[in-house]
Amino acid sequence: HLEETKTHVQRLEEVFRMHGAEIKAVDCPAIDGIIEEADEVAGEVADKSVLDAALINAGQAAEHYEIARYGSLIAWARQLGRNDCASILQKTLDEEKTTDKKLTSLAEAKVNLRAAS
């Protein structure tokens, strides 16, 4: 997923360039909070099976946040008549949704069952 995230950053940079906007990194308190919560949970859970389920949950929290943000960006781009930007962002949204589905499948197929036992 790290390589995919690097591609997402490149796409965002491309959209910024298309607008002639300055590219700069910013902190995201929401994602920072999701990561902090995952770290706290990881430190509190001793059972590896439960930890796996908790980490999948944290991963999905981040994915859901990203899905919401990309969905909004795409809607705004379309409203501004920038379908070129929307199509670039749509690729990332599709990948985020695919990752979320993979995490759900993994959790439902085995991880959650192991954590419950």
PDB file of N, CA and C in Angstrom:
ATOM      1  N   HIS A   1       0.815  -1.184   0.000  1.00  0.00           N
ATOM      2  CA  HIS A   1       0.000   0.000   0.000  1.00  0.00           C
ATOM      3  C   HIS A   1       0.870   1.265   0.000  1.00  0.00           C
ATOM      4  N   LEU A   2       2.083   1.160   0.507  1.00  0.00           N
ATOM      5  CA  LEU A   2       2.988   2.316   0.527  1.00  0.00           C
ATOM      6  C   LEU A   2       3.277   2.798  -0.892  1.00  0.00           C
ATOM      7  N   GLU A   3       3.547   1.875  -1.803  1.00  0.00           N
ATOM      8  CA  GLU A   3       3.814   2.268  -3.196  1.00  0.00           C
ATOM      9  C   GLU A   3       2.582   2.917  -3.817  1.00  0.00           C
ATOM     10  N   GLU A   4       1.420   2.379  -3.494  1.00  0.00           N
ATOM     11  CA  GLU A   4       0.179   2.958  -3.996  1.00  0.00           C
ATOM     12  C   GLU A   4       0.000   4.380  -3.465  1.00  0.00           C
ATOM     13  N   THR A   5       0.327   4.583  -2.193  1.00  0.00           N
ATOM     14  CA  THR A   5       0.222   5.911  -1.588  1.00  0.00           C
ATOM     15  C   THR A   5       1.159   6.901  -2.270  1.00  0.00           C
ATOM     16  N   LYS A   6       2.342   6.459  -2.636  1.00  0.00           N
ATOM     17  CA  LYS A   6       3.270   7.346  -3.359  1.00  0.00           C
ATOM     18  C   LYS A   6       2.660   7.777  -4.696  1.00  0.00           C
ATOM     19  N   THR A   7       1.974   6.864  -5.358  1.00  0.00           N
ATOM     20  CA  THR A   7       1.292   7.192  -6.612  1.00  0.00           C
ATOM     21  C   THR A   7       0.175   8.206  -6.355  1.00  0.00           C
ATOM     22  N   HIS A   8      -0.528   8.045  -5.233  1.00  0.00           N
ATOM     23  CA  HIS A   8      -1.599   8.986  -4.888  1.00  0.00           C
ATOM     24  C   HIS A   8      -1.036  10.394  -4.712  1.00  0.00           C
ATOM     25  N   VAL A   9       0.099  10.488  -4.058  1.00  0.00           N
ATOM     26  CA  VAL A   9       0.751  11.788  -3.868  1.00  0.00           C
ATOM     27  C   VAL A   9       1.133  12.385  -5.218  1.00  0.00           C
ATOM     28  N   GLN A  10       1.669  11.569  -6.096  1.00  0.00           N
ATOM     29  CA  GLN A  10       2.038  12.062  -7.437  1.00  0.00           C
ATOM     30  C   GLN A  10       0.816  12.587  -8.183  1.00  0.00           C
ATOM     31  N   ARG A  11      -0.307  11.907  -8.038  1.00  0.00           N
ATOM     32  CA  ARG A  11      -1.531  12.365  -8.699  1.00  0.00           C
ATOM     33  C   ARG A  11      -1.996  13.699  -8.128  1.00  0.00           C
ATOM     34  N   LEU A  12      -1.943  13.821  -6.807  1.00  0.00           N
ATOM     35  CA  LEU A  12      -2.325  15.091  -6.195  1.00  0.00           C
ATOM     36  C   LEU A  12      -1.419  16.224  -6.670  1.00  0.00           C
ATOM     37  N   GLU A  13      -0.129  15.942  -6.753  1.00  0.00           N
ATOM     38  CA  GLU A  13       0.812  16.951  -7.242  1.00  0.00           C
ATOM     39  C   GLU A  13       0.482  17.337  -8.687  1.00  0.00           C
ATOM     40  N   GLU A  14       0.083  16.356  -9.481  1.00  0.00           N
ATOM     41  CA  GLU A  14      -0.291  16.627 -10.865  1.00  0.00           C
ATOM     42  C   GLU A  14      -1.505  17.554 -10.931  1.00  0.00           C
ATOM     43  N   VAL A  15      -2.498  17.300 -10.080  1.00  0.00           N
ATOM     44  CA  VAL A  15      -3.693  18.141 -10.049  1.00  0.00           C
ATOM     45  C   VAL A  15      -3.315  19.565  -9.620  1.00  0.00           C
ATOM     46  N   PHE A  16      -2.439  19.691  -8.634  1.00  0.00           N
ATOM     47  CA  PHE A  16      -1.986  21.019  -8.211  1.00  0.00           C
ATOM     48  C   PHE A  16      -1.309  21.748  -9.368  1.00  0.00           C
ATOM     49  N   ARG A  17      -0.440  21.043 -10.097  1.00  0.00           N
ATOM     50  CA  ARG A  17       0.246  21.655 -11.235  1.00  0.00           C
ATOM     51  C   ARG A  17      -0.746  22.092 -12.305  1.00  0.00           C
ATOM     52  N   MET A  18      -1.768  21.275 -12.541  1.00  0.00           N
ATOM     53  CA  MET A  18      -2.782  21.607 -13.537  1.00  0.00           C
ATOM     54  C   MET A  18      -3.485  22.919 -13.195  1.00  0.00           C
ATOM     55  N   HIS A  19      -3.555  23.217 -11.914  1.00  0.00           N
ATOM     56  CA  HIS A  19      -4.185  24.455 -11.446  1.00  0.00           C
ATOM     57  C   HIS A  19      -3.179  25.586 -11.273  1.00  0.00           C
ATOM     58  N   GLY A  20      -1.905  25.273 -11.439  1.00  0.00           N
ATOM     59  CA  GLY A  20      -0.886  26.290 -11.206  1.00  0.00           C
ATOM     60  C   GLY A  20      -0.761  26.648  -9.737  1.00  0.00           C
ATOM     61  N   ALA A  21      -1.144  25.732  -8.869  1.00  0.00           N
ATOM     62  CA  ALA A  21      -1.120  25.978  -7.426  1.00  0.00           C
ATOM     63  C   ALA A  21       0.193  25.466  -6.818  1.00  0.00           C
ATOM     64  N   GLU A  22       0.575  26.107  -5.738  1.00  0.00           N
ATOM     65  CA  GLU A  22       1.778  25.695  -5.014  1.00  0.00           C
ATOM     66  C   GLU A  22       1.551  24.320  -4.382  1.00  0.00           C
ATOM     67  N   ILE A  23       2.554  23.478  -4.504  1.00  0.00           N
ATOM     68  CA  ILE A  23       2.493  22.145  -3.904  1.00  0.00           C
ATOM     69  C   ILE A  23       3.226  22.208  -2.577  1.00  0.00           C
ATOM     70  N   LYS A  24       2.499  21.893  -1.494  1.00  0.00           N
ATOM     71  CA  LYS A  24       3.150  21.861  -0.187  1.00  0.00           C
ATOM     72  C   LYS A  24       2.470  20.807   0.674  1.00  0.00           C
ATOM     73  N   ALA A  25       3.267  20.157   1.459  1.00  0.00           N
ATOM     74  CA  ALA A  25       2.742  19.141   2.368  1.00  0.00           C
ATOM     75  C   ALA A  25       2.127  19.831   3.582  1.00  0.00           C
ATOM     76  N   VAL A  26       1.052  19.253   4.069  1.00  0.00           N
ATOM     77  CA  VAL A  26       0.415  19.766   5.280  1.00  0.00           C
ATOM     78  C   VAL A  26       0.105  18.591   6.197  1.00  0.00           C
ATOM     79  N   ASP A  27       0.047  18.873   7.474  1.00  0.00           N
ATOM     80  CA  ASP A  27      -0.351  17.849   8.434  1.00  0.00           C
ATOM     81  C   ASP A  27      -1.858  17.672   8.373  1.00  0.00           C
ATOM     82  N   CYS A  28      -2.300  16.459   8.661  1.00  0.00           N
ATOM     83  CA  CYS A  28      -3.730  16.167   8.694  1.00  0.00           C
ATOM     84  C   CYS A  28      -4.068  15.644  10.094  1.00  0.00           C
ATOM     85  N   PRO A  29      -4.634  16.501  10.941  1.00  0.00           N
ATOM     86  CA  PRO A  29      -4.940  16.070  12.303  1.00  0.00           C
ATOM     87  C   PRO A  29      -5.860  14.844  12.368  1.00  0.00           C
ATOM     88  N   ALA A  30      -6.770  14.710  11.411  1.00  0.00           N
ATOM     89  CA  ALA A  30      -7.684  13.564  11.430  1.00  0.00           C
ATOM     90  C   ALA A  30      -6.913  12.255  11.230  1.00  0.00           C
ATOM     91  N   ILE A  31      -6.063  12.209  10.227  1.00  0.00           N
ATOM     92  CA  ILE A  31      -5.266  10.997   9.986  1.00  0.00           C
ATOM     93  C   ILE A  31      -4.279  10.781  11.136  1.00  0.00           C
ATOM     94  N   ASP A  32      -3.692  11.863  11.639  1.00  0.00           N
ATOM     95  CA  ASP A  32      -2.795  11.740  12.787  1.00  0.00           C
ATOM     96  C   ASP A  32      -3.523  11.104  13.965  1.00  0.00           C
ATOM     97  N   GLY A  33      -4.782  11.490  14.161  1.00  0.00           N
ATOM     98  CA  GLY A  33      -5.581  10.917  15.242  1.00  0.00           C
ATOM     99  C   GLY A  33      -5.868   9.437  15.030  1.00  0.00           C
ATOM    100  N   ILE A  34      -6.148   9.063  13.788  1.00  0.00           N
ATOM    101  CA  ILE A  34      -6.393   7.659  13.471  1.00  0.00           C
ATOM    102  C   ILE A  34      -5.132   6.832  13.750  1.00  0.00           C
ATOM    103  N   ILE A  35      -3.991   7.361  13.355  1.00  0.00           N
ATOM    104  CA  ILE A  35      -2.720   6.661  13.586  1.00  0.00           C
ATOM    105  C   ILE A  35      -2.423   6.577  15.076  1.00  0.00           C
ATOM    106  N   GLU A  36      -2.647   7.666  15.795  1.00  0.00           N
ATOM    107  CA  GLU A  36      -2.411   7.674  17.246  1.00  0.00           C
ATOM    108  C   GLU A  36      -3.305   6.650  17.950  1.00  0.00           C
ATOM    109  N   GLU A  37      -4.565   6.609  17.540  1.00  0.00           N
ATOM    110  CA  GLU A  37      -5.490   5.636  18.127  1.00  0.00           C
ATOM    111  C   GLU A  37      -5.025   4.203  17.843  1.00  0.00           C
ATOM    112  N   ALA A  38      -4.566   3.940  16.618  1.00  0.00           N
ATOM    113  CA  ALA A  38      -4.077   2.604  16.264  1.00  0.00           C
ATOM    114  C   ALA A  38      -2.861   2.236  17.111  1.00  0.00           C
ATOM    115  N   ASP A  39      -1.967   3.187  17.314  1.00  0.00           N
ATOM    116  CA  ASP A  39      -0.788   2.940  18.140  1.00  0.00           C
ATOM    117  C   ASP A  39      -1.179   2.615  19.583  1.00  0.00           C
ATOM    118  N   GLU A  40      -2.147   3.362  20.101  1.00  0.00           N
ATOM    119  CA  GLU A  40      -2.615   3.111  21.472  1.00  0.00           C
ATOM    120  C   GLU A  40      -3.221   1.721  21.600  1.00  0.00           C
ATOM    121  N   VAL A  41      -4.080   1.378  20.650  1.00  0.00           N
ATOM    122  CA  VAL A  41      -4.721   0.061  20.683  1.00  0.00           C
ATOM    123  C   VAL A  41      -3.672  -1.037  20.567  1.00  0.00           C
ATOM    124  N   ALA A  42      -2.708  -0.851  19.665  1.00  0.00           N
ATOM    125  CA  ALA A  42      -1.659  -1.854  19.479  1.00  0.00           C
ATOM    126  C   ALA A  42      -0.877  -2.073  20.768  1.00  0.00           C
ATOM    127  N   GLY A  43      -0.681  -1.022  21.541  1.00  0.00           N
ATOM    128  CA  GLY A  43       0.042  -1.143  22.797  1.00  0.00           C
ATOM    129  C   GLY A  43      -0.765  -1.792  23.904  1.00  0.00           C
ATOM    130  N   GLU A  44      -2.075  -1.808  23.758  1.00  0.00           N
ATOM    131  CA  GLU A  44      -2.956  -2.341  24.805  1.00  0.00           C
ATOM    132  C   GLU A  44      -3.398  -3.781  24.566  1.00  0.00           C
ATOM    133  N   VAL A  45      -3.266  -4.267  23.339  1.00  0.00           N
ATOM    134  CA  VAL A  45      -3.786  -5.592  22.987  1.00  0.00           C
ATOM    135  C   VAL A  45      -2.643  -6.600  22.969  1.00  0.00           C
ATOM    136  N   ALA A  46      -2.757  -7.589  23.826  1.00  0.00           N
ATOM    137  CA  ALA A  46      -1.714  -8.603  23.910  1.00  0.00           C
ATOM    138  C   ALA A  46      -1.963  -9.775  22.965  1.00  0.00           C
ATOM    139  N   ASP A  47      -3.221 -10.113  22.766  1.00  0.00           N
ATOM    140  CA  ASP A  47      -3.578 -11.247  21.927  1.00  0.00           C
ATOM    141  C   ASP A  47      -3.360 -10.895  20.456  1.00  0.00           C
ATOM    142  N   LYS A  48      -2.484 -11.650  19.779  1.00  0.00           N
ATOM    143  CA  LYS A  48      -2.143 -11.353  18.382  1.00  0.00           C
ATOM    144  C   LYS A  48      -3.353 -11.402  17.455  1.00  0.00           C
ATOM    145  N   SER A  49      -4.256 -12.312  17.679  1.00  0.00           N
ATOM    146  CA  SER A  49      -5.448 -12.424  16.839  1.00  0.00           C
ATOM    147  C   SER A  49      -6.340 -11.198  16.984  1.00  0.00           C
ATOM    148  N   VAL A  50      -6.479 -10.721  18.203  1.00  0.00           N
ATOM    149  CA  VAL A  50      -7.280  -9.519  18.448  1.00  0.00           C
ATOM    150  C   VAL A  50      -6.560  -8.303  17.872  1.00  0.00           C
ATOM    151  N   LEU A  51      -5.249  -8.291  18.014  1.00  0.00           N
ATOM    152  CA  LEU A  51      -4.459  -7.184  17.477  1.00  0.00           C
ATOM    153  C   LEU A  51      -4.617  -7.086  15.961  1.00  0.00           C
ATOM    154  N   ASP A  52      -4.596  -8.225  15.277  1.00  0.00           N
ATOM    155  CA  ASP A  52      -4.780  -8.226  13.823  1.00  0.00           C
ATOM    156  C   ASP A  52      -6.122  -7.596  13.444  1.00  0.00           C
ATOM    157  N   ALA A  53      -7.172  -7.954  14.165  1.00  0.00           N
ATOM    158  CA  ALA A  53      -8.494  -7.393  13.891  1.00  0.00           C
ATOM    159  C   ALA A  53      -8.505  -5.888  14.160  1.00  0.00           C
ATOM    160  N   ALA A  54      -7.860  -5.467  15.231  1.00  0.00           N
ATOM    161  CA  ALA A  54      -7.811  -4.047  15.580  1.00  0.00           C
ATOM    162  C   ALA A  54      -7.025  -3.252  14.539  1.00  0.00           C
ATOM    163  N   LEU A  55      -5.946  -3.824  14.034  1.00  0.00           N
ATOM    164  CA  LEU A  55      -5.146  -3.125  13.027  1.00  0.00           C
ATOM    165  C   LEU A  55      -5.888  -3.007  11.695  1.00  0.00           C
ATOM    166  N   ILE A  56      -6.640  -4.044  11.343  1.00  0.00           N
ATOM    167  CA  ILE A  56      -7.470  -3.945  10.137  1.00  0.00           C
ATOM    168  C   ILE A  56      -8.501  -2.835  10.318  1.00  0.00           C
ATOM    169  N   ASN A  57      -9.091  -2.768  11.491  1.00  0.00           N
ATOM    170  CA  ASN A  57     -10.063  -1.716  11.775  1.00  0.00           C
ATOM    171  C   ASN A  57      -9.433  -0.332  11.644  1.00  0.00           C
ATOM    172  N   ALA A  58      -8.229  -0.168  12.141  1.00  0.00           N
ATOM    173  CA  ALA A  58      -7.536   1.123  12.036  1.00  0.00           C
ATOM    174  C   ALA A  58      -7.232   1.455  10.577  1.00  0.00           C
ATOM    175  N   GLY A  59      -6.824   0.441   9.832  1.00  0.00           N
ATOM    176  CA  GLY A  59      -6.554   0.648   8.415  1.00  0.00           C
ATOM    177  C   GLY A  59      -7.812   1.083   7.675  1.00  0.00           C
ATOM    178  N   GLN A  60      -8.925   0.474   8.023  1.00  0.00           N
ATOM    179  CA  GLN A  60     -10.177   0.854   7.376  1.00  0.00           C
ATOM    180  C   GLN A  60     -10.630   2.248   7.784  1.00  0.00           C
ATOM    181  N   ALA A  61     -10.342   2.646   9.002  1.00  0.00           N
ATOM    182  CA  ALA A  61     -10.687   4.007   9.411  1.00  0.00           C
ATOM    183  C   ALA A  61      -9.953   5.012   8.526  1.00  0.00           C
ATOM    184  N   ALA A  62      -8.679   4.760   8.264  1.00  0.00           N
ATOM    185  CA  ALA A  62      -7.902   5.648   7.390  1.00  0.00           C
ATOM    186  C   ALA A  62      -8.445   5.606   5.964  1.00  0.00           C
ATOM    187  N   GLU A  63      -8.762   4.422   5.472  1.00  0.00           N
ATOM    188  CA  GLU A  63      -9.308   4.293   4.117  1.00  0.00           C
ATOM    189  C   GLU A  63     -10.632   5.045   3.986  1.00  0.00           C
ATOM    190  N   HIS A  64     -11.496   4.916   4.968  1.00  0.00           N
ATOM    191  CA  HIS A  64     -12.796   5.581   4.907  1.00  0.00           C
ATOM    192  C   HIS A  64     -12.636   7.096   4.905  1.00  0.00           C
ATOM    193  N   TYR A  65     -11.699   7.586   5.670  1.00  0.00           N
ATOM    194  CA  TYR A  65     -11.422   9.030   5.675  1.00  0.00           C
ATOM    195  C   TYR A  65     -10.959   9.479   4.286  1.00  0.00           C
ATOM    196  N   GLU A  66     -10.043   8.716   3.720  1.00  0.00           N
ATOM    197  CA  GLU A  66      -9.528   9.064   2.385  1.00  0.00           C
ATOM    198  C   GLU A  66     -10.634   8.971   1.329  1.00  0.00           C
ATOM    199  N   ILE A  67     -11.470   7.968   1.427  1.00  0.00           N
ATOM    200  CA  ILE A  67     -12.580   7.818   0.481  1.00  0.00           C
ATOM    201  C   ILE A  67     -13.485   9.048   0.554  1.00  0.00           C
ATOM    202  N   ALA A  68     -13.801   9.499   1.747  1.00  0.00           N
ATOM    203  CA  ALA A  68     -14.650  10.688   1.903  1.00  0.00           C
ATOM    204  C   ALA A  68     -13.988  11.915   1.290  1.00  0.00           C
ATOM    205  N   ARG A  69     -12.708  12.092   1.540  1.00  0.00           N
ATOM    206  CA  ARG A  69     -11.999  13.266   1.018  1.00  0.00           C
ATOM    207  C   ARG A  69     -11.897  13.236  -0.506  1.00  0.00           C
ATOM    208  N   TYR A  70     -11.524  12.107  -1.058  1.00  0.00           N
ATOM    209  CA  TYR A  70     -11.409  12.026  -2.518  1.00  0.00           C
ATOM    210  C   TYR A  70     -12.776  12.191  -3.180  1.00  0.00           C
ATOM    211  N   GLY A  71     -13.811  11.650  -2.580  1.00  0.00           N
ATOM    212  CA  GLY A  71     -15.152  11.833  -3.127  1.00  0.00           C
ATOM    213  C   GLY A  71     -15.519  13.309  -3.208  1.00  0.00           C
ATOM    214  N   SER A  72     -15.214  14.053  -2.163  1.00  0.00           N
ATOM    215  CA  SER A  72     -15.487  15.494  -2.159  1.00  0.00           C
ATOM    216  C   SER A  72     -14.650  16.221  -3.196  1.00  0.00           C
ATOM    217  N   LEU A  73     -13.374  15.895  -3.281  1.00  0.00           N
ATOM    218  CA  LEU A  73     -12.497  16.553  -4.253  1.00  0.00           C
ATOM    219  C   LEU A  73     -12.989  16.328  -5.683  1.00  0.00           C
ATOM    220  N   ILE A  74     -13.432  15.110  -5.955  1.00  0.00           N
ATOM    221  CA  ILE A  74     -13.942  14.789  -7.299  1.00  0.00           C
ATOM    222  C   ILE A  74     -15.205  15.594  -7.588  1.00  0.00           C
ATOM    223  N   ALA A  75     -16.102  15.664  -6.618  1.00  0.00           N
ATOM    224  CA  ALA A  75     -17.340  16.427  -6.809  1.00  0.00           C
ATOM    225  C   ALA A  75     -17.026  17.902  -7.062  1.00  0.00           C
ATOM    226  N   TRP A  76     -16.093  18.457  -6.288  1.00  0.00           N
ATOM    227  CA  TRP A  76     -15.731  19.864  -6.467  1.00  0.00           C
ATOM    228  C   TRP A  76     -15.091  20.101  -7.832  1.00  0.00           C
ATOM    229  N   ALA A  77     -14.206  19.184  -8.222  1.00  0.00           N
ATOM    230  CA  ALA A  77     -13.549  19.328  -9.533  1.00  0.00           C
ATOM    231  C   ALA A  77     -14.589  19.330 -10.651  1.00  0.00           C
ATOM    232  N   ARG A  78     -15.535  18.440 -10.564  1.00  0.00           N
ATOM    233  CA  ARG A  78     -16.586  18.379 -11.592  1.00  0.00           C
ATOM    234  C   ARG A  78     -17.426  19.657 -11.601  1.00  0.00           C
ATOM    235  N   GLN A  79     -17.756  20.161 -10.417  1.00  0.00           N
ATOM    236  CA  GLN A  79     -18.545  21.392 -10.339  1.00  0.00           C
ATOM    237  C   GLN A  79     -17.786  22.580 -10.935  1.00  0.00           C
ATOM    238  N   LEU A  80     -16.482  22.532 -10.866  1.00  0.00           N
ATOM    239  CA  LEU A  80     -15.653  23.594 -11.432  1.00  0.00           C
ATOM    240  C   LEU A  80     -15.354  23.358 -12.912  1.00  0.00           C
ATOM    241  N   GLY A  81     -15.921  22.287 -13.465  1.00  0.00           N
ATOM    242  CA  GLY A  81     -15.692  21.986 -14.872  1.00  0.00           C
ATOM    243  C   GLY A  81     -14.333  21.371 -15.139  1.00  0.00           C
ATOM    244  N   ARG A  82     -13.718  20.823 -14.112  1.00  0.00           N
ATOM    245  CA  ARG A  82     -12.384  20.228 -14.246  1.00  0.00           C
ATOM    246  C   ARG A  82     -12.492  18.709 -14.234  1.00  0.00           C
ATOM    247  N   ASN A  83     -13.133  18.175 -15.265  1.00  0.00           N
ATOM    248  CA  ASN A  83     -13.254  16.721 -15.384  1.00  0.00           C
ATOM    249  C   ASN A  83     -11.895  16.070 -15.565  1.00  0.00           C
ATOM    250  N   ASP A  84     -10.915  16.824 -16.100  1.00  0.00           N
ATOM    251  CA  ASP A  84      -9.558  16.291 -16.229  1.00  0.00           C
ATOM    252  C   ASP A  84      -8.970  15.977 -14.852  1.00  0.00           C
ATOM    253  N   CYS A  85      -9.182  16.881 -13.916  1.00  0.00           N
ATOM    254  CA  CYS A  85      -8.702  16.646 -12.543  1.00  0.00           C
ATOM    255  C   CYS A  85      -9.523  15.554 -11.859  1.00  0.00           C
ATOM    256  N   ALA A  86     -10.832  15.591 -12.090  1.00  0.00           N
ATOM    257  CA  ALA A  86     -11.709  14.595 -11.473  1.00  0.00           C
ATOM    258  C   ALA A  86     -11.318  13.178 -11.887  1.00  0.00           C
ATOM    259  N   SER A  87     -10.953  13.001 -13.154  1.00  0.00           N
ATOM    260  CA  SER A  87     -10.602  11.652 -13.611  1.00  0.00           C
ATOM    261  C   SER A  87      -9.298  11.173 -12.975  1.00  0.00           C
ATOM    262  N   ILE A  88      -8.376  12.073 -12.740  1.00  0.00           N
ATOM    263  CA  ILE A  88      -7.119  11.700 -12.058  1.00  0.00           C
ATOM    264  C   ILE A  88      -7.423  11.286 -10.619  1.00  0.00           C
ATOM    265  N   LEU A  89      -8.226  12.085  -9.945  1.00  0.00           N
ATOM    266  CA  LEU A  89      -8.583  11.788  -8.556  1.00  0.00           C
ATOM    267  C   LEU A  89      -9.431  10.532  -8.447  1.00  0.00           C
ATOM    268  N   GLN A  90     -10.244  10.246  -9.461  1.00  0.00           N
ATOM    269  CA  GLN A  90     -11.101   9.058  -9.457  1.00  0.00           C
ATOM    270  C   GLN A  90     -10.261   7.777  -9.407  1.00  0.00           C
ATOM    271  N   LYS A  91      -9.114   7.783 -10.063  1.00  0.00           N
ATOM    272  CA  LYS A  91      -8.233   6.605 -10.029  1.00  0.00           C
ATOM    273  C   LYS A  91      -7.842   6.292  -8.590  1.00  0.00           C
ATOM    274  N   THR A  92      -7.504   7.336  -7.847  1.00  0.00           N
ATOM    275  CA  THR A  92      -7.111   7.134  -6.456  1.00  0.00           C
ATOM    276  C   THR A  92      -8.298   6.682  -5.621  1.00  0.00           C
ATOM    277  N   LEU A  93      -9.456   7.294  -5.830  1.00  0.00           N
ATOM    278  CA  LEU A  93     -10.646   6.885  -5.085  1.00  0.00           C
ATOM    279  C   LEU A  93     -10.949   5.410  -5.334  1.00  0.00           C
ATOM    280  N   ASP A  94     -10.859   4.979  -6.568  1.00  0.00           N
ATOM    281  CA  ASP A  94     -11.107   3.569  -6.900  1.00  0.00           C
ATOM    282  C   ASP A  94     -10.126   2.654  -6.167  1.00  0.00           C
ATOM    283  N   GLU A  95      -8.868   3.051  -6.106  1.00  0.00           N
ATOM    284  CA  GLU A  95      -7.856   2.241  -5.407  1.00  0.00           C
ATOM    285  C   GLU A  95      -8.132   2.197  -3.909  1.00  0.00           C
ATOM    286  N   GLU A  96      -8.562   3.317  -3.336  1.00  0.00           N
ATOM    287  CA  GLU A  96      -8.876   3.345  -1.902  1.00  0.00           C
ATOM    288  C   GLU A  96     -10.057   2.421  -1.605  1.00  0.00           C
ATOM    289  N   LYS A  97     -11.051   2.441  -2.460  1.00  0.00           N
ATOM    290  CA  LYS A  97     -12.210   1.560  -2.271  1.00  0.00           C
ATOM    291  C   LYS A  97     -11.810   0.090  -2.409  1.00  0.00           C
ATOM    292  N   THR A  98     -10.920  -0.206  -3.336  1.00  0.00           N
ATOM    293  CA  THR A  98     -10.439  -1.577  -3.505  1.00  0.00           C
ATOM    294  C   THR A  98      -9.696  -2.048  -2.260  1.00  0.00           C
ATOM    295  N   THR A  99      -8.865  -1.188  -1.709  1.00  0.00           N
ATOM    296  CA  THR A  99      -8.131  -1.532  -0.489  1.00  0.00           C
ATOM    297  C   THR A  99      -9.099  -1.793   0.654  1.00  0.00           C
ATOM    298  N   ASP A 100     -10.115  -0.949   0.781  1.00  0.00           N
ATOM    299  CA  ASP A 100     -11.111  -1.134   1.836  1.00  0.00           C
ATOM    300  C   ASP A 100     -11.824  -2.483   1.676  1.00  0.00           C
ATOM    301  N   LYS A 101     -12.177  -2.833   0.455  1.00  0.00           N
ATOM    302  CA  LYS A 101     -12.835  -4.120   0.208  1.00  0.00           C
ATOM    303  C   LYS A 101     -11.921  -5.291   0.562  1.00  0.00           C
ATOM    304  N   LYS A 102     -10.629  -5.160   0.240  1.00  0.00           N
ATOM    305  CA  LYS A 102      -9.678  -6.222   0.586  1.00  0.00           C
ATOM    306  C   LYS A 102      -9.582  -6.388   2.101  1.00  0.00           C
ATOM    307  N   LEU A 103      -9.533  -5.269   2.807  1.00  0.00           N
ATOM    308  CA  LEU A 103      -9.469  -5.339   4.266  1.00  0.00           C
ATOM    309  C   LEU A 103     -10.732  -5.962   4.844  1.00  0.00           C
ATOM    310  N   THR A 104     -11.881  -5.609   4.296  1.00  0.00           N
ATOM    311  CA  THR A 104     -13.136  -6.205   4.753  1.00  0.00           C
ATOM    312  C   THR A 104     -13.135  -7.713   4.512  1.00  0.00           C
ATOM    313  N   SER A 105     -12.718  -8.123   3.337  1.00  0.00           N
ATOM    314  CA  SER A 105     -12.679  -9.558   3.016  1.00  0.00           C
ATOM    315  C   SER A 105     -11.744 -10.297   3.956  1.00  0.00           C
ATOM    316  N   LEU A 106     -10.591  -9.731   4.196  1.00  0.00           N
ATOM    317  CA  LEU A 106      -9.621 -10.350   5.102  1.00  0.00           C
ATOM    318  C   LEU A 106     -10.198 -10.485   6.508  1.00  0.00           C
ATOM    319  N   ALA A 107     -10.814  -9.417   6.982  1.00  0.00           N
ATOM    320  CA  ALA A 107     -11.394  -9.448   8.331  1.00  0.00           C
ATOM    321  C   ALA A 107     -12.516 -10.468   8.425  1.00  0.00           C
ATOM    322  N   GLU A 108     -13.416 -10.432   7.455  1.00  0.00           N
ATOM    323  CA  GLU A 108     -14.586 -11.304   7.525  1.00  0.00           C
ATOM    324  C   GLU A 108     -14.263 -12.762   7.249  1.00  0.00           C
ATOM    325  N   ALA A 109     -13.261 -13.011   6.443  1.00  0.00           N
ATOM    326  CA  ALA A 109     -12.930 -14.398   6.083  1.00  0.00           C
ATOM    327  C   ALA A 109     -12.244 -15.147   7.220  1.00  0.00           C
ATOM    328  N   LYS A 110     -11.398 -14.447   7.968  1.00  0.00           N
ATOM    329  CA  LYS A 110     -10.668 -15.197   8.998  1.00  0.00           C
ATOM    330  C   LYS A 110     -10.252 -14.390  10.221  1.00  0.00           C
ATOM    331  N   VAL A 111      -9.823 -13.170  10.043  1.00  0.00           N
ATOM    332  CA  VAL A 111      -9.220 -12.429  11.147  1.00  0.00           C
ATOM    333  C   VAL A 111     -10.219 -12.199  12.287  1.00  0.00           C
ATOM    334  N   ASN A 112     -11.399 -11.740  11.966  1.00  0.00           N
ATOM    335  CA  ASN A 112     -12.384 -11.485  13.027  1.00  0.00           C
ATOM    336  C   ASN A 112     -12.796 -12.767  13.740  1.00  0.00           C
ATOM    337  N   LEU A 113     -12.890 -13.871  12.989  1.00  0.00           N
ATOM    338  CA  LEU A 113     -13.235 -15.154  13.610  1.00  0.00           C
ATOM    339  C   LEU A 113     -12.160 -15.599  14.587  1.00  0.00           C
ATOM    340  N   ARG A 114     -10.902 -15.415  14.188  1.00  0.00           N
ATOM    341  CA  ARG A 114      -9.805 -15.779  15.096  1.00  0.00           C
ATOM    342  C   ARG A 114      -9.812 -14.894  16.336  1.00  0.00           C
ATOM    343  N   ALA A 115     -10.095 -13.625  16.158  1.00  0.00           N
ATOM    344  CA  ALA A 115     -10.100 -12.693  17.281  1.00  0.00           C
ATOM    345  C   ALA A 115     -11.222 -13.021  18.266  1.00  0.00           C
ATOM    346  N   ALA A 116     -12.337 -13.504  17.749  1.00  0.00           N
ATOM    347  CA  ALA A 116     -13.491 -13.827  18.608  1.00  0.00           C
ATOM    348  C   ALA A 116     -13.283 -15.093  19.429  1.00  0.00           C
ATOM    349  N   SER A 117     -12.379 -15.960  18.977  1.00  0.00           N
ATOM    350  CA  SER A 117     -12.202 -17.229  19.710  1.00  0.00           C
ATOM    351  C   SER A 117     -11.176 -17.158  20.798  1.00  0.00           C
TER     352      SER A 117
END
